[in-house]
Amino acid sequence: MYENLKKTFEPINLNNGDTIKNRIVMAPMTTWSSNDDHTVSDEEVAYYERRSKGEGIVITGCTPVSPNSLGFTNEFEASDDKFLPSLKKLAVASKSGGAKSILQIFHAGNKTLPQLVDKEKIVSASAVPTKATSFVDSLTPHELSESEILDIIKDFGKTTKRAIKAGFDGVEIHGAHGFLIQNFLSPYYNRRNDKWGGSLENRMRFALSVIDEVKSVIDKYAEKPFILGYRFSPEESIDGGLRIEDTYVLLDKLIDRNVDYVHASLADILSSTPVDNKNETYLSLFVKHINHRIPFMAAGSLSTPDKVEKALRQGLDLAAIGHGLIINPYWVHDIESGSSNKIRESLSVSDIDDLKLPEKLWNTIQNSGDWFNIVD
């Protein structure tokens, strides 16, 4: 059965002793769907319940570890113990199909939204102006002091403790997409001349300190195996930005610290290439560099079972599916039942109610331009 998708349904063992039943992961995706008080809404619970249907792992959308680090409107929070009841609802929903449920935690850094946080409280590694995006105008963040850096590191640990208490099976530290951890790693955005900047060793210090803090919390409070993953962006396209050679060194450090997996965020897993090398894909390069020392997960345009299987046969260990699961909540079930022909690459307006898309997510999709192929 599933002979043509044999790799997709192979189990995989993690460093912490957990066995993941298959290689399919629900990718972390922001839904813009919290209640106004930043608790998890009933719409978001229904969204996760609809999609937790047989994946090996479900990773939630990112949640801020500090009150001044909101990166999205209507983003559910985990920065205070008052959010524990809300987080427990999300843990139950995301585990409802038997997957390991992972809470993705982050600090938005220089991408924190000024409409949600006082502009004076938006922080980064250095006071380097950011470029305007579709979400926010350009701004110049406040450079973090030593004590502020240490406080944020502690915030990652405190949020991990909440994830454990809420019933999640792990956390994923979001070090990608130009958020705070990447602000520190980036030679463009990190212009510091203290122990947190300058050399690559110093620029990695924040990320590795977060890892160490989270691991210490897991060791102290987790009563069963608890997964620790790390998400990264391989490079920055900006001149003077992060390049893959530095990312290789960071990956080696993460492997030395025995994290359970690393997770690359790519535009297209099968075709994306480095800034300065168009002859080899990121997938090929990272598979060679990681060399089976740790499970390697990646997300990026894996919209069909054939693409997933192809990436896994090229050396990927875990395939994170995003848009495909928004459009096809029963993605795994359809394959297992021999109905993979039902899996679509277009979002049908007539299916919106059945898809359990939160209203704000649906509005964002409609206004996004080219995120989805939408059909009537």
Protein backbone atom coordinates (compact mmCIF):
# COMPACT_ATOMS: atom_id res chain seq x y z
CA MET A 1 0.00 0.00 0.00
CA TYR A 2 1.19 3.53 -0.90
CA GLU A 3 4.22 1.98 -2.61
CA ASN A 4 4.68 5.14 -4.65
CA LEU A 5 4.58 7.16 -1.38
CA LYS A 6 6.57 4.71 0.71
CA LYS A 7 8.96 7.34 2.12
CA THR A 8 6.10 9.66 3.11
CA PHE A 9 4.63 7.11 5.50
CA GLU A 10 7.85 5.87 7.09
CA PRO A 11 8.17 6.63 10.81
CA ILE A 12 11.15 8.63 12.05
CA ASN A 13 12.89 8.74 15.43
CA LEU A 14 13.87 12.01 17.11
CA ASN A 15 16.79 12.59 19.47
CA ASN A 16 14.48 12.87 22.49
CA GLY A 17 13.17 9.33 22.02
CA ASP A 18 9.89 10.23 20.32
CA THR A 19 8.87 8.30 17.21
CA ILE A 20 6.95 10.31 14.60
CA LYS A 21 4.48 8.06 12.80
CA ASN A 22 5.03 9.56 9.33
CA ARG A 23 7.01 12.31 7.59
CA ILE A 24 4.07 14.69 7.11
CA VAL A 25 4.04 17.95 9.08
CA MET A 26 1.43 20.68 9.20
CA ALA A 27 3.57 23.76 8.64
CA PRO A 28 3.31 26.69 11.04
CA MET A 29 0.93 29.27 9.55
CA THR A 30 -0.36 32.53 10.95
CA THR A 31 -4.16 32.76 10.82
CA TRP A 32 -4.78 36.34 12.11
CA SER A 33 -7.65 34.78 14.07
CA SER A 34 -7.25 35.34 17.79
CA ASN A 35 -9.85 37.02 19.95
CA ASP A 36 -9.30 40.72 20.56
CA ASP A 37 -7.60 39.88 23.87
CA HIS A 38 -5.12 37.65 21.97
CA THR A 39 -6.55 34.39 23.30
CA VAL A 40 -7.17 31.50 20.91
CA SER A 41 -10.58 31.88 19.29
CA ASP A 42 -13.17 29.17 18.70
CA GLU A 43 -12.61 29.70 14.96
CA GLU A 44 -8.94 28.88 15.34
CA VAL A 45 -9.69 25.79 17.43
CA ALA A 46 -12.05 24.57 14.69
CA TYR A 47 -9.41 25.33 12.04
CA TYR A 48 -6.82 23.13 13.77
CA GLU A 49 -9.29 20.36 14.56
CA ARG A 50 -10.28 20.18 10.89
CA ARG A 51 -6.64 19.82 9.80
CA SER A 52 -5.26 17.55 12.52
CA LYS A 53 -6.10 14.45 10.51
CA GLY A 54 -3.19 12.03 10.49
CA GLU A 55 -0.05 14.15 10.23
CA GLY A 56 2.97 13.07 12.22
CA ILE A 57 3.49 16.59 13.58
CA VAL A 58 1.32 19.71 13.77
CA ILE A 59 3.16 23.01 14.32
CA THR A 60 1.09 25.99 15.36
CA GLY A 61 1.43 29.50 14.02
CA CYS A 62 3.98 31.59 15.90
CA THR A 63 3.21 33.13 19.26
CA PRO A 64 5.22 35.94 20.92
CA VAL A 65 7.26 35.28 24.03
CA SER A 66 7.25 38.94 25.14
CA PRO A 67 4.35 41.41 25.32
CA ASN A 68 6.12 43.91 23.07
CA SER A 69 6.81 41.45 20.26
CA LEU A 70 3.54 41.06 18.35
CA GLY A 71 4.29 40.48 14.69
CA PHE A 72 0.75 40.00 13.40
CA THR A 73 -2.68 41.41 14.05
CA ASN A 74 -4.99 39.04 15.94
CA GLU A 75 -2.06 36.84 16.93
CA PHE A 76 -2.66 34.49 19.85
CA GLU A 77 -0.26 35.09 22.73
CA ALA A 78 1.71 32.94 25.14
CA SER A 79 3.68 35.70 26.89
CA ASP A 80 1.90 35.48 30.24
CA ASP A 81 0.41 32.79 32.47
CA LYS A 82 -3.03 34.32 31.89
CA PHE A 83 -2.92 32.76 28.41
CA LEU A 84 -2.58 29.18 29.73
CA PRO A 85 -6.29 28.25 29.43
CA SER A 86 -6.24 29.49 25.84
CA LEU A 87 -3.08 27.55 25.04
CA LYS A 88 -4.56 24.37 26.51
CA LYS A 89 -7.47 24.60 24.05
CA LEU A 90 -5.04 24.92 21.16
CA ALA A 91 -2.94 21.98 22.37
CA VAL A 92 -6.01 19.74 22.55
CA ALA A 93 -7.19 20.81 19.08
CA SER A 94 -3.80 20.36 17.39
CA LYS A 95 -3.31 16.91 18.97
CA SER A 96 -6.83 15.71 18.19
CA GLY A 97 -5.73 13.66 15.17
CA GLY A 98 -2.90 11.88 16.95
CA ALA A 99 -0.05 14.17 15.87
CA LYS A 100 2.72 15.50 18.05
CA SER A 101 1.73 19.11 18.70
CA ILE A 102 4.44 21.78 18.66
CA LEU A 103 4.02 25.41 19.73
CA GLN A 104 6.09 27.76 17.60
CA ILE A 105 7.55 30.59 19.72
CA PHE A 106 9.20 33.81 18.58
CA HIS A 107 9.98 37.46 19.15
CA ALA A 108 9.11 39.64 16.15
CA GLY A 109 12.07 41.99 16.67
CA ASN A 110 12.20 44.73 14.07
CA LYS A 111 9.05 43.30 12.45
CA THR A 112 6.93 44.04 15.51
CA LEU A 113 3.83 45.97 14.43
CA PRO A 114 3.76 49.63 15.52
CA GLN A 115 -0.05 49.65 15.43
CA LEU A 116 0.07 47.07 18.24
CA VAL A 117 3.20 48.09 20.16
CA ASP A 118 4.49 51.57 21.06
CA LYS A 119 7.04 52.44 18.37
CA GLU A 120 9.59 53.29 21.07
CA LYS A 121 9.36 49.72 22.39
CA ILE A 122 10.10 47.99 19.08
CA VAL A 123 13.52 46.39 19.43
CA SER A 124 16.25 44.70 17.46
CA ALA A 125 19.90 43.76 17.69
CA SER A 126 20.84 47.23 16.40
CA ALA A 127 19.08 50.46 15.48
CA VAL A 128 19.13 49.69 11.76
CA PRO A 129 16.12 50.97 9.76
CA THR A 130 13.88 48.25 8.39
CA LYS A 131 12.41 48.18 4.92
CA ALA A 132 8.70 48.75 4.47
CA THR A 133 6.57 45.66 3.86
CA SER A 134 2.94 45.00 3.02
CA PHE A 135 2.33 44.80 6.78
CA VAL A 136 4.29 47.77 8.13
CA ASP A 137 6.04 50.99 7.14
CA SER A 138 9.79 51.40 7.55
CA LEU A 139 10.94 52.14 11.10
CA THR A 140 14.11 52.28 13.18
CA PRO A 141 13.98 49.92 16.18
CA HIS A 142 15.54 50.46 19.58
CA GLU A 143 18.87 48.65 20.09
CA LEU A 144 18.53 46.17 22.91
CA SER A 145 20.62 46.63 26.03
CA GLU A 146 22.42 43.73 27.68
CA SER A 147 19.76 43.43 30.40
CA GLU A 148 16.95 43.54 27.82
CA ILE A 149 18.62 40.76 25.85
CA LEU A 150 18.85 38.58 28.94
CA ASP A 151 15.20 39.27 29.79
CA ILE A 152 14.06 38.13 26.33
CA ILE A 153 16.13 34.96 26.60
CA LYS A 154 14.33 34.27 29.88
CA ASP A 155 11.01 34.99 28.13
CA PHE A 156 11.69 32.13 25.70
CA GLY A 157 12.20 29.84 28.69
CA LYS A 158 9.05 31.03 30.46
CA THR A 159 6.98 30.49 27.32
CA THR A 160 8.42 27.00 26.95
CA LYS A 161 7.30 26.24 30.50
CA ARG A 162 3.78 27.38 29.55
CA ALA A 163 3.88 25.10 26.49
CA ILE A 164 4.73 22.17 28.75
CA LYS A 165 1.95 23.05 31.22
CA ALA A 166 -0.55 23.53 28.38
CA GLY A 167 0.04 20.01 27.09
CA PHE A 168 2.04 20.58 23.91
CA ASP A 169 4.57 17.95 22.85
CA GLY A 170 7.28 20.45 21.99
CA VAL A 171 8.27 23.94 20.93
CA GLU A 172 9.80 25.25 17.74
CA ILE A 173 12.02 28.30 18.10
CA HIS A 174 11.36 30.61 15.17
CA GLY A 175 14.75 31.86 14.03
CA ALA A 176 13.61 32.64 10.47
CA HIS A 177 11.84 35.34 8.44
CA GLY A 178 13.85 38.28 9.73
CA PHE A 179 12.45 38.17 13.27
CA LEU A 180 14.58 38.94 16.33
CA ILE A 181 16.76 35.84 16.37
CA GLN A 182 17.66 36.42 12.73
CA ASN A 183 18.19 40.14 13.48
CA PHE A 184 21.06 39.03 15.71
CA LEU A 185 22.45 36.47 13.26
CA SER A 186 22.37 38.89 10.32
CA PRO A 187 25.57 40.90 9.64
CA TYR A 188 23.34 43.55 8.04
CA TYR A 189 20.95 44.10 10.95
CA ASN A 190 23.44 43.36 13.73
CA ARG A 191 25.98 46.22 13.92
CA ARG A 192 26.88 45.70 17.60
CA ASN A 193 30.44 45.77 18.90
CA ASP A 194 29.86 43.87 22.14
CA LYS A 195 29.67 40.12 22.78
CA TRP A 196 26.31 39.95 20.95
CA GLY A 197 27.62 41.25 17.61
CA GLY A 198 30.55 41.53 15.21
CA SER A 199 32.00 38.06 14.65
CA LEU A 200 29.82 35.14 13.61
CA GLU A 201 30.45 33.57 17.02
CA ASN A 202 29.02 36.66 18.68
CA ARG A 203 26.10 37.00 16.25
CA MET A 204 25.10 33.40 16.97
CA ARG A 205 25.26 33.94 20.73
CA PHE A 206 21.64 35.10 21.08
CA ALA A 207 20.18 32.12 19.18
CA LEU A 208 22.32 29.64 21.06
CA SER A 209 21.55 31.28 24.42
CA VAL A 210 17.84 30.92 23.65
CA ILE A 211 18.40 27.24 22.83
CA ASP A 212 20.31 26.71 26.08
CA GLU A 213 17.60 28.43 28.13
CA VAL A 214 14.80 26.45 26.51
CA LYS A 215 16.67 23.18 26.97
CA SER A 216 17.21 23.93 30.66
CA VAL A 217 13.47 24.55 31.11
CA ILE A 218 12.62 21.32 29.29
CA ASP A 219 15.06 19.38 31.46
CA LYS A 220 13.54 20.88 34.62
CA TYR A 221 9.81 20.78 33.89
CA ALA A 222 9.00 18.24 31.16
CA GLU A 223 7.87 14.91 32.61
CA LYS A 224 7.95 13.10 29.27
CA PRO A 225 9.92 13.52 26.02
CA PHE A 226 9.50 17.09 24.78
CA ILE A 227 10.51 18.13 21.27
CA LEU A 228 12.78 21.11 20.57
CA GLY A 229 12.96 22.28 16.95
CA TYR A 230 14.57 25.30 15.33
CA ARG A 231 13.31 27.09 12.21
CA PHE A 232 15.74 29.05 10.04
CA SER A 233 15.90 31.05 6.85
CA PRO A 234 19.06 30.07 4.94
CA GLU A 235 19.96 33.56 3.72
CA GLU A 236 18.91 37.19 3.27
CA SER A 237 18.74 38.62 -0.23
CA ILE A 238 19.85 42.09 0.91
CA ASP A 239 23.44 43.16 0.15
CA GLY A 240 25.57 42.47 3.20
CA GLY A 241 22.94 40.15 4.64
CA LEU A 242 23.06 36.61 5.98
CA ARG A 243 24.60 34.01 3.67
CA ILE A 244 24.50 30.24 3.63
CA GLU A 245 28.07 29.79 4.89
CA ASP A 246 27.09 31.36 8.23
CA THR A 247 23.94 29.25 8.33
CA TYR A 248 26.04 26.09 7.97
CA VAL A 249 27.99 27.05 11.10
CA LEU A 250 24.78 27.76 13.03
CA LEU A 251 23.38 24.36 12.01
CA ASP A 252 26.51 22.64 13.30
CA LYS A 253 26.08 24.42 16.64
CA LEU A 254 22.41 23.38 16.83
CA ILE A 255 23.36 19.78 16.10
CA ASP A 256 26.01 19.94 18.82
CA ARG A 257 23.28 21.07 21.24
CA ASN A 258 21.18 18.03 20.31
CA VAL A 259 18.04 19.79 19.15
CA ASP A 260 15.48 17.39 17.74
CA TYR A 261 15.17 18.82 14.23
CA VAL A 262 16.02 21.84 12.11
CA HIS A 263 13.41 23.39 9.84
CA ALA A 264 14.28 25.39 6.72
CA SER A 265 11.76 27.91 5.41
CA LEU A 266 12.06 28.01 1.61
CA ALA A 267 10.04 29.41 -1.27
CA ASP A 268 10.17 26.09 -3.12
CA ILE A 269 11.91 23.08 -1.62
CA LEU A 270 12.56 21.40 -4.94
CA SER A 271 13.92 24.43 -6.82
CA SER A 272 15.04 27.28 -4.52
CA THR A 273 18.75 28.08 -4.81
CA PRO A 274 21.22 30.18 -2.79
CA VAL A 275 21.79 33.87 -3.50
CA ASP A 276 25.29 33.28 -4.88
CA ASN A 277 24.91 29.78 -6.33
CA LYS A 278 22.22 28.95 -8.87
CA ASN A 279 23.69 25.56 -9.74
CA GLU A 280 22.52 23.60 -6.71
CA THR A 281 19.33 23.72 -4.65
CA TYR A 282 19.13 24.50 -0.95
CA LEU A 283 17.68 21.02 -0.49
CA SER A 284 20.71 19.34 -2.00
CA LEU A 285 23.17 21.55 -0.13
CA PHE A 286 21.54 21.13 3.28
CA VAL A 287 21.06 17.38 2.86
CA LYS A 288 24.80 17.08 2.18
CA HIS A 289 25.81 19.39 5.01
CA ILE A 290 23.49 17.94 7.67
CA ASN A 291 24.37 14.43 6.49
CA HIS A 292 21.75 12.65 8.62
CA ARG A 293 23.17 14.03 11.86
CA ILE A 294 19.73 15.38 12.74
CA PRO A 295 16.25 15.23 11.16
CA PHE A 296 15.93 17.92 8.49
CA MET A 297 12.49 19.46 7.91
CA ALA A 298 11.62 22.01 5.24
CA ALA A 299 8.58 23.89 4.02
CA GLY A 300 7.98 25.45 0.63
CA SER A 301 5.50 24.68 -2.14
CA LEU A 302 4.90 21.02 -1.27
CA SER A 303 1.36 21.07 -2.62
CA THR A 304 0.98 17.47 -3.83
CA PRO A 305 1.85 13.98 -2.51
CA ASP A 306 4.22 13.43 -5.43
CA LYS A 307 6.22 16.56 -4.56
CA VAL A 308 6.43 15.49 -0.94
CA GLU A 309 7.67 12.03 -1.86
CA LYS A 310 10.20 13.47 -4.33
CA ALA A 311 11.66 15.79 -1.68
CA LEU A 312 11.87 12.97 0.86
CA ARG A 313 13.60 10.69 -1.61
CA GLN A 314 16.14 13.46 -2.22
CA GLY A 315 17.07 13.41 1.45
CA LEU A 316 14.52 15.55 3.27
CA ASP A 317 13.40 13.90 6.52
CA LEU A 318 10.17 15.75 7.34
CA ALA A 319 7.94 17.57 4.85
CA ALA A 320 6.06 20.62 6.14
CA ILE A 321 2.87 21.31 4.20
CA GLY A 322 1.24 24.73 4.41
CA HIS A 323 -1.15 25.90 1.72
CA GLY A 324 -1.89 22.31 0.75
CA LEU A 325 -3.47 21.68 4.14
CA ILE A 326 -5.43 24.93 4.06
CA ILE A 327 -6.99 23.80 0.77
CA ASN A 328 -7.14 20.06 1.65
CA PRO A 329 -7.76 19.51 5.39
CA TYR A 330 -8.02 15.75 4.77
CA TRP A 331 -4.72 15.60 2.87
CA VAL A 332 -3.39 12.58 4.78
CA HIS A 333 -6.74 10.80 5.02
CA ASP A 334 -7.30 11.13 1.27
CA ILE A 335 -3.97 9.45 0.56
CA GLU A 336 -4.56 6.68 3.07
CA SER A 337 -8.01 5.97 1.65
CA GLY A 338 -6.71 5.79 -1.90
CA SER A 339 -8.33 9.09 -2.85
CA SER A 340 -5.26 11.20 -3.53
CA ASN A 341 -6.99 12.34 -6.73
CA LYS A 342 -9.16 14.51 -4.47
CA ILE A 343 -6.18 16.65 -3.46
CA ARG A 344 -6.38 20.02 -5.19
CA GLU A 345 -4.01 22.94 -5.72
CA SER A 346 -6.79 25.54 -5.97
CA LEU A 347 -8.97 26.91 -3.19
CA SER A 348 -12.66 26.63 -4.06
CA VAL A 349 -14.94 29.38 -2.74
CA SER A 350 -17.78 26.87 -2.47
CA ASP A 351 -15.77 24.90 0.11
CA ILE A 352 -15.02 27.74 2.52
CA ASP A 353 -17.52 26.68 5.16
CA ASP A 354 -16.34 23.07 5.14
CA LEU A 355 -12.70 24.17 5.28
CA LYS A 356 -13.36 25.95 8.60
CA LEU A 357 -11.26 28.94 7.56
CA PRO A 358 -11.43 31.70 10.17
CA GLU A 359 -13.03 34.81 8.72
CA LYS A 360 -9.90 36.96 9.12
CA LEU A 361 -7.72 34.33 7.46
CA TRP A 362 -10.15 34.08 4.54
CA ASN A 363 -10.16 37.89 4.19
CA THR A 364 -6.36 37.93 4.21
CA ILE A 365 -6.19 35.22 1.55
CA GLN A 366 -8.60 37.14 -0.70
CA ASN A 367 -6.56 40.34 -0.34
CA SER A 368 -3.16 38.70 -0.70
CA GLY A 369 -2.93 38.70 -4.47
CA ASP A 370 -0.99 35.58 -5.44
CA TRP A 371 -0.95 33.43 -2.29
CA PHE A 372 -3.59 31.05 -3.65
CA ASN A 373 -5.27 30.10 -6.88
CA ILE A 374 -8.90 30.78 -5.94
CA VAL A 375 -11.69 29.32 -8.05
CA ASP A 376 -15.46 29.73 -7.81
